[in-house]
């Protein structure tokens, strides 16, 4: 008798999970693009260089006033060290249908350079309702 109760409970749980997933809201992702990349000369007294960029955000598929996180991955070269890949997290924001760009920056030491960069881990948003 206990086995039939356990199997019944398991079947009910699986059915509930399936229904919950079917009812869940559809999610979208904003389209991001890295533009206007610059890498400054090193600055005294910190001996740091600044990597800056504008990240354009097209959140037209998202509900109004959406926000979320995204990461930019970097491949860093160092004069007397190993290449290292790392990520920095930033926030995207769409407000009243306008989200032209997000300005981002990352500091590097004078003996470091950016070999490559890429967008990663963009937070999904609830989709804008479609229809009339």
N, C-alpha and C. Protein backbone atom coordinates (compact mmCIF):
# COMPACT_ATOMS: atom_id res chain seq x y z
N UNK A 1 0.82 -1.19 0.00
CA UNK A 1 0.00 0.00 0.00
C UNK A 1 0.87 1.26 0.00
N UNK A 2 1.96 1.23 0.73
CA UNK A 2 2.84 2.39 0.77
C UNK A 2 3.45 2.68 -0.60
N UNK A 3 3.78 1.61 -1.36
CA UNK A 3 4.37 1.81 -2.68
C UNK A 3 3.39 2.51 -3.61
N UNK A 4 2.13 2.13 -3.57
CA UNK A 4 1.17 2.78 -4.45
C UNK A 4 0.99 4.25 -4.09
N UNK A 5 1.08 4.60 -2.81
CA UNK A 5 1.00 6.01 -2.39
C UNK A 5 2.21 6.78 -2.88
N UNK A 6 3.38 6.16 -2.78
CA UNK A 6 4.62 6.82 -3.22
C UNK A 6 4.57 7.05 -4.73
N UNK A 7 4.14 6.02 -5.49
CA UNK A 7 4.06 6.17 -6.95
C UNK A 7 3.01 7.22 -7.33
N UNK A 8 1.91 7.25 -6.62
CA UNK A 8 0.88 8.26 -6.88
C UNK A 8 1.39 9.67 -6.61
N UNK A 9 2.13 9.84 -5.51
CA UNK A 9 2.70 11.13 -5.15
C UNK A 9 3.74 11.56 -6.19
N UNK A 10 4.55 10.62 -6.65
CA UNK A 10 5.56 10.91 -7.66
C UNK A 10 4.90 11.34 -8.98
N UNK A 11 3.85 10.64 -9.39
CA UNK A 11 3.14 10.99 -10.62
C UNK A 11 2.50 12.37 -10.50
N UNK A 12 1.91 12.68 -9.34
CA UNK A 12 1.30 13.99 -9.13
C UNK A 12 2.35 15.10 -9.19
N UNK A 13 3.53 14.86 -8.62
CA UNK A 13 4.61 15.84 -8.63
C UNK A 13 5.08 16.11 -10.05
N UNK A 14 5.28 15.06 -10.83
CA UNK A 14 5.72 15.22 -12.22
C UNK A 14 4.66 15.98 -13.01
N UNK A 15 3.39 15.67 -12.80
CA UNK A 15 2.31 16.38 -13.49
C UNK A 15 2.27 17.84 -13.13
N UNK A 16 2.48 18.17 -11.86
CA UNK A 16 2.48 19.55 -11.40
C UNK A 16 3.64 20.33 -12.01
N UNK A 17 4.81 19.72 -12.08
CA UNK A 17 5.97 20.38 -12.68
C UNK A 17 5.71 20.66 -14.16
N UNK A 18 5.12 19.72 -14.87
CA UNK A 18 4.82 19.91 -16.29
C UNK A 18 3.84 21.04 -16.51
N UNK A 19 2.80 21.13 -15.70
CA UNK A 19 1.80 22.19 -15.82
C UNK A 19 2.44 23.53 -15.49
N UNK A 20 3.27 23.58 -14.46
CA UNK A 20 3.92 24.83 -14.06
C UNK A 20 4.81 25.36 -15.18
N UNK A 21 5.55 24.48 -15.84
CA UNK A 21 6.41 24.91 -16.92
C UNK A 21 5.60 25.41 -18.11
N UNK A 22 4.47 24.80 -18.38
CA UNK A 22 3.64 25.20 -19.51
C UNK A 22 3.01 26.57 -19.26
N UNK A 23 2.71 26.89 -17.99
CA UNK A 23 2.05 28.14 -17.65
C UNK A 23 3.05 29.28 -17.47
N UNK A 24 4.32 28.97 -17.27
CA UNK A 24 5.34 29.98 -17.02
C UNK A 24 5.40 30.98 -18.16
N UNK A 25 5.75 32.24 -17.82
CA UNK A 25 5.85 33.28 -18.84
C UNK A 25 7.02 33.01 -19.76
N UNK A 26 6.84 33.39 -21.00
CA UNK A 26 7.91 33.28 -21.99
C UNK A 26 8.98 34.31 -21.65
N UNK A 27 10.24 33.93 -21.82
CA UNK A 27 11.32 34.87 -21.55
C UNK A 27 12.05 35.21 -22.84
N UNK A 28 12.56 36.42 -22.88
CA UNK A 28 13.31 36.92 -24.02
C UNK A 28 14.66 37.41 -23.52
N UNK A 29 15.54 37.72 -24.45
CA UNK A 29 16.82 38.32 -24.09
C UNK A 29 17.00 39.59 -24.90
N UNK A 30 17.49 40.64 -24.28
CA UNK A 30 17.78 41.84 -25.07
C UNK A 30 18.97 41.57 -25.98
N UNK A 31 19.04 42.28 -27.09
CA UNK A 31 20.17 42.17 -28.01
C UNK A 31 21.21 43.22 -27.60
N UNK A 32 22.39 42.77 -27.23
CA UNK A 32 23.47 43.66 -26.83
C UNK A 32 24.60 43.61 -27.84
N UNK A 33 25.29 44.73 -28.01
CA UNK A 33 26.44 44.79 -28.92
C UNK A 33 27.48 45.75 -28.33
N UNK A 34 28.74 45.35 -28.36
CA UNK A 34 29.83 46.18 -27.85
C UNK A 34 30.30 47.10 -28.98
N UNK A 35 30.37 48.42 -28.67
CA UNK A 35 30.77 49.42 -29.67
C UNK A 35 31.72 50.43 -29.03
N UNK A 36 32.38 51.19 -29.86
CA UNK A 36 33.22 52.32 -29.43
C UNK A 36 34.23 51.92 -28.36
N UNK A 37 34.98 50.86 -28.61
CA UNK A 37 35.98 50.38 -27.66
C UNK A 37 37.21 51.27 -27.70
N UNK A 38 37.72 51.62 -26.51
CA UNK A 38 38.95 52.41 -26.40
C UNK A 38 39.79 51.84 -25.27
N UNK A 39 41.10 51.98 -25.40
CA UNK A 39 42.03 51.53 -24.37
C UNK A 39 43.00 52.68 -24.14
N UNK A 40 42.95 53.29 -22.97
CA UNK A 40 43.73 54.50 -22.70
C UNK A 40 45.21 54.19 -22.50
N UNK A 41 46.01 55.23 -22.58
CA UNK A 41 47.42 55.12 -22.18
C UNK A 41 47.45 55.01 -20.66
N UNK A 42 48.57 54.55 -20.09
CA UNK A 42 48.62 54.43 -18.64
C UNK A 42 48.69 55.81 -18.01
N UNK A 43 48.10 55.90 -16.82
CA UNK A 43 47.96 57.17 -16.11
C UNK A 43 48.77 57.14 -14.81
N UNK A 44 49.46 58.23 -14.52
CA UNK A 44 50.15 58.37 -13.23
C UNK A 44 49.15 58.83 -12.20
N UNK A 45 49.26 58.57 -10.96
CA UNK A 45 50.28 57.76 -10.30
C UNK A 45 49.92 56.28 -10.23
N UNK A 46 48.73 55.92 -10.68
CA UNK A 46 48.26 54.54 -10.51
C UNK A 46 48.89 53.54 -11.47
N UNK A 47 49.45 54.04 -12.57
CA UNK A 47 50.01 53.18 -13.61
C UNK A 47 48.96 52.24 -14.19
N UNK A 48 47.71 52.71 -14.26
CA UNK A 48 46.62 51.91 -14.80
C UNK A 48 46.20 52.42 -16.17
N UNK A 49 45.60 51.52 -16.94
CA UNK A 49 44.99 51.85 -18.22
C UNK A 49 43.51 51.50 -18.10
N UNK A 50 42.69 52.23 -18.81
CA UNK A 50 41.25 52.00 -18.73
C UNK A 50 40.72 51.53 -20.08
N UNK A 51 40.04 50.37 -20.07
CA UNK A 51 39.33 49.85 -21.23
C UNK A 51 37.90 50.35 -21.11
N UNK A 52 37.41 51.05 -22.11
CA UNK A 52 36.04 51.56 -22.08
C UNK A 52 35.31 51.15 -23.35
N UNK A 53 34.00 51.06 -23.23
CA UNK A 53 33.17 50.72 -24.39
C UNK A 53 31.74 51.18 -24.12
N UNK A 54 30.99 51.32 -25.19
CA UNK A 54 29.55 51.54 -25.09
C UNK A 54 28.89 50.24 -25.52
N UNK A 55 27.96 49.76 -24.72
CA UNK A 55 27.23 48.54 -25.05
C UNK A 55 25.81 48.95 -25.42
N UNK A 56 25.46 48.77 -26.71
CA UNK A 56 24.10 49.12 -27.13
C UNK A 56 23.14 48.03 -26.66
N UNK A 57 21.95 48.46 -26.28
CA UNK A 57 20.93 47.55 -25.74
C UNK A 57 19.65 47.71 -26.54
N UNK A 58 19.20 46.62 -27.14
CA UNK A 58 17.91 46.60 -27.81
C UNK A 58 17.01 45.67 -27.00
N UNK A 59 16.20 46.28 -26.14
CA UNK A 59 15.30 45.51 -25.28
C UNK A 59 13.86 45.62 -25.77
N UNK A 60 13.68 45.80 -27.07
CA UNK A 60 12.34 45.99 -27.61
C UNK A 60 11.45 44.76 -27.45
N UNK A 61 12.04 43.59 -27.28
CA UNK A 61 11.25 42.36 -27.08
C UNK A 61 10.85 42.19 -25.62
N UNK A 62 11.45 42.98 -24.72
CA UNK A 62 11.18 42.86 -23.28
C UNK A 62 10.03 43.77 -22.86
N UNK A 63 9.42 43.45 -21.72
CA UNK A 63 8.39 44.33 -21.17
C UNK A 63 9.02 45.68 -20.85
N UNK A 64 8.19 46.71 -20.78
CA UNK A 64 8.69 48.06 -20.50
C UNK A 64 9.38 48.10 -19.14
N UNK A 65 10.36 48.95 -19.04
CA UNK A 65 11.12 49.19 -17.81
C UNK A 65 11.80 47.92 -17.28
N UNK A 66 12.42 47.18 -18.18
CA UNK A 66 13.15 45.97 -17.82
C UNK A 66 14.59 46.31 -17.47
N UNK A 67 15.21 45.45 -16.70
CA UNK A 67 16.62 45.59 -16.35
C UNK A 67 17.19 44.21 -16.12
N UNK A 68 18.49 44.11 -16.20
CA UNK A 68 19.14 42.83 -15.94
C UNK A 68 20.65 42.98 -15.98
N UNK A 69 21.30 41.88 -15.82
CA UNK A 69 22.76 41.86 -15.79
C UNK A 69 23.30 41.25 -17.08
N UNK A 70 24.54 41.60 -17.37
CA UNK A 70 25.28 40.94 -18.43
C UNK A 70 26.75 40.94 -18.03
N UNK A 71 27.49 40.05 -18.63
CA UNK A 71 28.92 39.98 -18.36
C UNK A 71 29.68 40.24 -19.64
N UNK A 72 30.84 40.85 -19.48
CA UNK A 72 31.79 40.95 -20.58
C UNK A 72 32.98 40.11 -20.17
N UNK A 73 33.32 39.15 -21.02
CA UNK A 73 34.50 38.32 -20.78
C UNK A 73 35.72 38.97 -21.42
N UNK A 74 36.86 38.84 -20.76
CA UNK A 74 38.10 39.40 -21.25
C UNK A 74 39.18 38.34 -21.28
N UNK A 75 40.02 38.41 -22.30
CA UNK A 75 41.24 37.62 -22.34
C UNK A 75 42.36 38.63 -22.15
N UNK A 76 43.02 38.56 -20.99
CA UNK A 76 44.03 39.55 -20.62
C UNK A 76 45.43 39.01 -20.86
N UNK A 77 46.26 39.80 -21.53
CA UNK A 77 47.67 39.49 -21.72
C UNK A 77 48.48 40.30 -20.74
N UNK A 78 49.56 39.71 -20.22
CA UNK A 78 50.44 40.40 -19.29
C UNK A 78 51.87 40.20 -19.77
N UNK A 79 52.70 41.27 -19.69
CA UNK A 79 54.07 41.19 -20.20
C UNK A 79 54.84 40.01 -19.64
N UNK A 80 54.84 39.85 -18.33
CA UNK A 80 55.62 38.79 -17.69
C UNK A 80 54.72 37.84 -16.92
N UNK A 81 53.63 37.45 -17.54
CA UNK A 81 52.70 36.55 -16.87
C UNK A 81 51.88 35.78 -17.89
N UNK A 82 51.02 34.97 -17.35
CA UNK A 82 50.18 34.12 -18.19
C UNK A 82 48.92 34.87 -18.62
N UNK A 83 48.40 34.44 -19.77
CA UNK A 83 47.12 34.95 -20.24
C UNK A 83 46.04 34.48 -19.27
N UNK A 84 45.11 35.39 -18.94
CA UNK A 84 44.05 35.06 -18.00
C UNK A 84 42.71 35.49 -18.59
N UNK A 85 41.72 34.62 -18.53
CA UNK A 85 40.36 34.97 -18.92
C UNK A 85 39.56 35.29 -17.66
N UNK A 86 38.79 36.38 -17.70
CA UNK A 86 37.94 36.73 -16.57
C UNK A 86 36.71 37.46 -17.09
N UNK A 87 35.73 37.66 -16.22
CA UNK A 87 34.48 38.32 -16.58
C UNK A 87 34.17 39.43 -15.59
N UNK A 88 33.58 40.49 -16.10
CA UNK A 88 33.10 41.59 -15.27
C UNK A 88 31.59 41.71 -15.51
N UNK A 89 30.85 41.99 -14.44
CA UNK A 89 29.39 42.07 -14.53
C UNK A 89 28.94 43.53 -14.58
N UNK A 90 27.94 43.80 -15.44
CA UNK A 90 27.37 45.13 -15.60
C UNK A 90 25.85 45.01 -15.63
N UNK A 91 25.16 46.15 -15.61
CA UNK A 91 23.70 46.18 -15.59
C UNK A 91 23.19 46.85 -16.86
N UNK A 92 22.21 46.23 -17.52
CA UNK A 92 21.51 46.89 -18.62
C UNK A 92 20.15 47.35 -18.11
N UNK A 93 19.64 48.43 -18.68
CA UNK A 93 18.39 49.02 -18.22
C UNK A 93 17.63 49.56 -19.41
N UNK A 94 16.36 49.22 -19.50
CA UNK A 94 15.47 49.77 -20.52
C UNK A 94 14.41 50.55 -19.76
N UNK A 95 14.28 51.82 -20.10
CA UNK A 95 13.33 52.66 -19.40
C UNK A 95 12.51 53.44 -20.41
N UNK A 96 11.20 53.28 -20.38
CA UNK A 96 10.27 53.96 -21.30
C UNK A 96 10.63 53.73 -22.77
N UNK A 97 11.05 52.51 -23.08
CA UNK A 97 11.33 52.16 -24.46
C UNK A 97 12.65 52.66 -24.99
N UNK A 98 13.43 53.36 -24.17
CA UNK A 98 14.71 53.90 -24.64
C UNK A 98 15.86 53.28 -23.85
N UNK A 99 16.70 52.57 -24.54
CA UNK A 99 17.89 51.99 -23.91
C UNK A 99 19.03 52.03 -24.92
N UNK A 100 19.50 53.23 -25.24
CA UNK A 100 20.48 53.33 -26.32
C UNK A 100 21.80 52.62 -26.01
N UNK A 101 22.37 52.84 -24.84
CA UNK A 101 23.65 52.19 -24.54
C UNK A 101 23.99 52.30 -23.06
N UNK A 102 24.91 51.43 -22.67
CA UNK A 102 25.45 51.42 -21.31
C UNK A 102 26.96 51.64 -21.46
N UNK A 103 27.51 52.63 -20.78
CA UNK A 103 28.95 52.86 -20.80
C UNK A 103 29.61 52.00 -19.73
N UNK A 104 30.63 51.25 -20.13
CA UNK A 104 31.31 50.34 -19.21
C UNK A 104 32.81 50.62 -19.24
N UNK A 105 33.49 50.29 -18.15
CA UNK A 105 34.94 50.44 -18.12
C UNK A 105 35.55 49.41 -17.17
N UNK A 106 36.79 49.02 -17.47
CA UNK A 106 37.54 48.07 -16.66
C UNK A 106 38.98 48.57 -16.60
N UNK A 107 39.57 48.54 -15.41
CA UNK A 107 40.95 49.00 -15.22
C UNK A 107 41.94 47.86 -15.42
N UNK A 108 43.08 48.19 -16.05
CA UNK A 108 44.18 47.25 -16.26
C UNK A 108 45.48 47.93 -15.84
N UNK A 109 46.46 47.14 -15.45
CA UNK A 109 47.77 47.68 -15.14
C UNK A 109 48.48 48.06 -16.43
N UNK A 110 49.52 48.86 -16.32
CA UNK A 110 50.25 49.36 -17.49
C UNK A 110 50.87 48.23 -18.32
N UNK A 111 51.20 47.10 -17.68
CA UNK A 111 51.83 45.99 -18.41
C UNK A 111 50.82 44.95 -18.89
N UNK A 112 49.53 45.32 -18.90
CA UNK A 112 48.48 44.40 -19.34
C UNK A 112 47.82 44.93 -20.61
N UNK A 113 47.30 44.01 -21.39
CA UNK A 113 46.57 44.37 -22.61
C UNK A 113 45.37 43.44 -22.76
N UNK A 114 44.38 43.90 -23.51
CA UNK A 114 43.19 43.10 -23.78
C UNK A 114 43.40 42.40 -25.12
N UNK A 115 43.48 41.07 -25.07
CA UNK A 115 43.63 40.29 -26.29
C UNK A 115 42.27 40.11 -26.98
N UNK A 116 41.22 39.95 -26.19
CA UNK A 116 39.89 39.76 -26.74
C UNK A 116 38.83 40.03 -25.69
N UNK A 117 37.61 40.24 -26.15
CA UNK A 117 36.48 40.47 -25.25
C UNK A 117 35.21 39.95 -25.91
N UNK A 118 34.21 39.60 -25.09
CA UNK A 118 32.97 39.03 -25.62
C UNK A 118 31.84 39.25 -24.61
N UNK A 119 30.61 39.26 -25.12
CA UNK A 119 29.43 39.34 -24.26
C UNK A 119 29.09 37.95 -23.74
N UNK A 120 28.64 37.90 -22.49
CA UNK A 120 28.34 36.61 -21.88
C UNK A 120 27.25 36.79 -20.83
N UNK A 121 26.50 35.76 -20.56
CA UNK A 121 25.53 35.68 -19.46
C UNK A 121 24.58 36.87 -19.41
N UNK A 122 23.83 37.08 -20.48
CA UNK A 122 22.84 38.16 -20.52
C UNK A 122 21.57 37.67 -19.81
N UNK A 123 21.13 38.43 -18.82
CA UNK A 123 19.93 38.07 -18.06
C UNK A 123 18.69 38.15 -18.95
N UNK A 124 17.88 37.10 -18.98
CA UNK A 124 16.64 37.16 -19.76
C UNK A 124 15.64 38.09 -19.08
N UNK A 125 14.64 38.49 -19.85
CA UNK A 125 13.58 39.37 -19.34
C UNK A 125 12.23 38.81 -19.76
N UNK A 126 11.15 39.20 -19.08
CA UNK A 126 9.83 38.77 -19.54
C UNK A 126 9.52 39.41 -20.90
N UNK A 127 8.94 38.62 -21.80
CA UNK A 127 8.66 39.13 -23.15
C UNK A 127 7.51 40.11 -23.14
N UNK A 128 7.61 41.07 -24.03
CA UNK A 128 6.53 42.03 -24.26
C UNK A 128 5.35 41.28 -24.87
N UNK A 129 4.15 41.59 -24.44
CA UNK A 129 2.97 40.92 -24.96
C UNK A 129 2.83 41.22 -26.44
N UNK A 130 2.57 40.18 -27.21
CA UNK A 130 2.36 40.39 -28.65
C UNK A 130 0.86 40.36 -28.92
N UNK A 131 0.49 40.98 -29.97
CA UNK A 131 -0.93 40.99 -30.33
C UNK A 131 -1.42 42.41 -30.56
N UNK A 132 -2.73 42.57 -30.70
CA UNK A 132 -3.29 43.88 -31.06
C UNK A 132 -3.20 44.89 -29.99
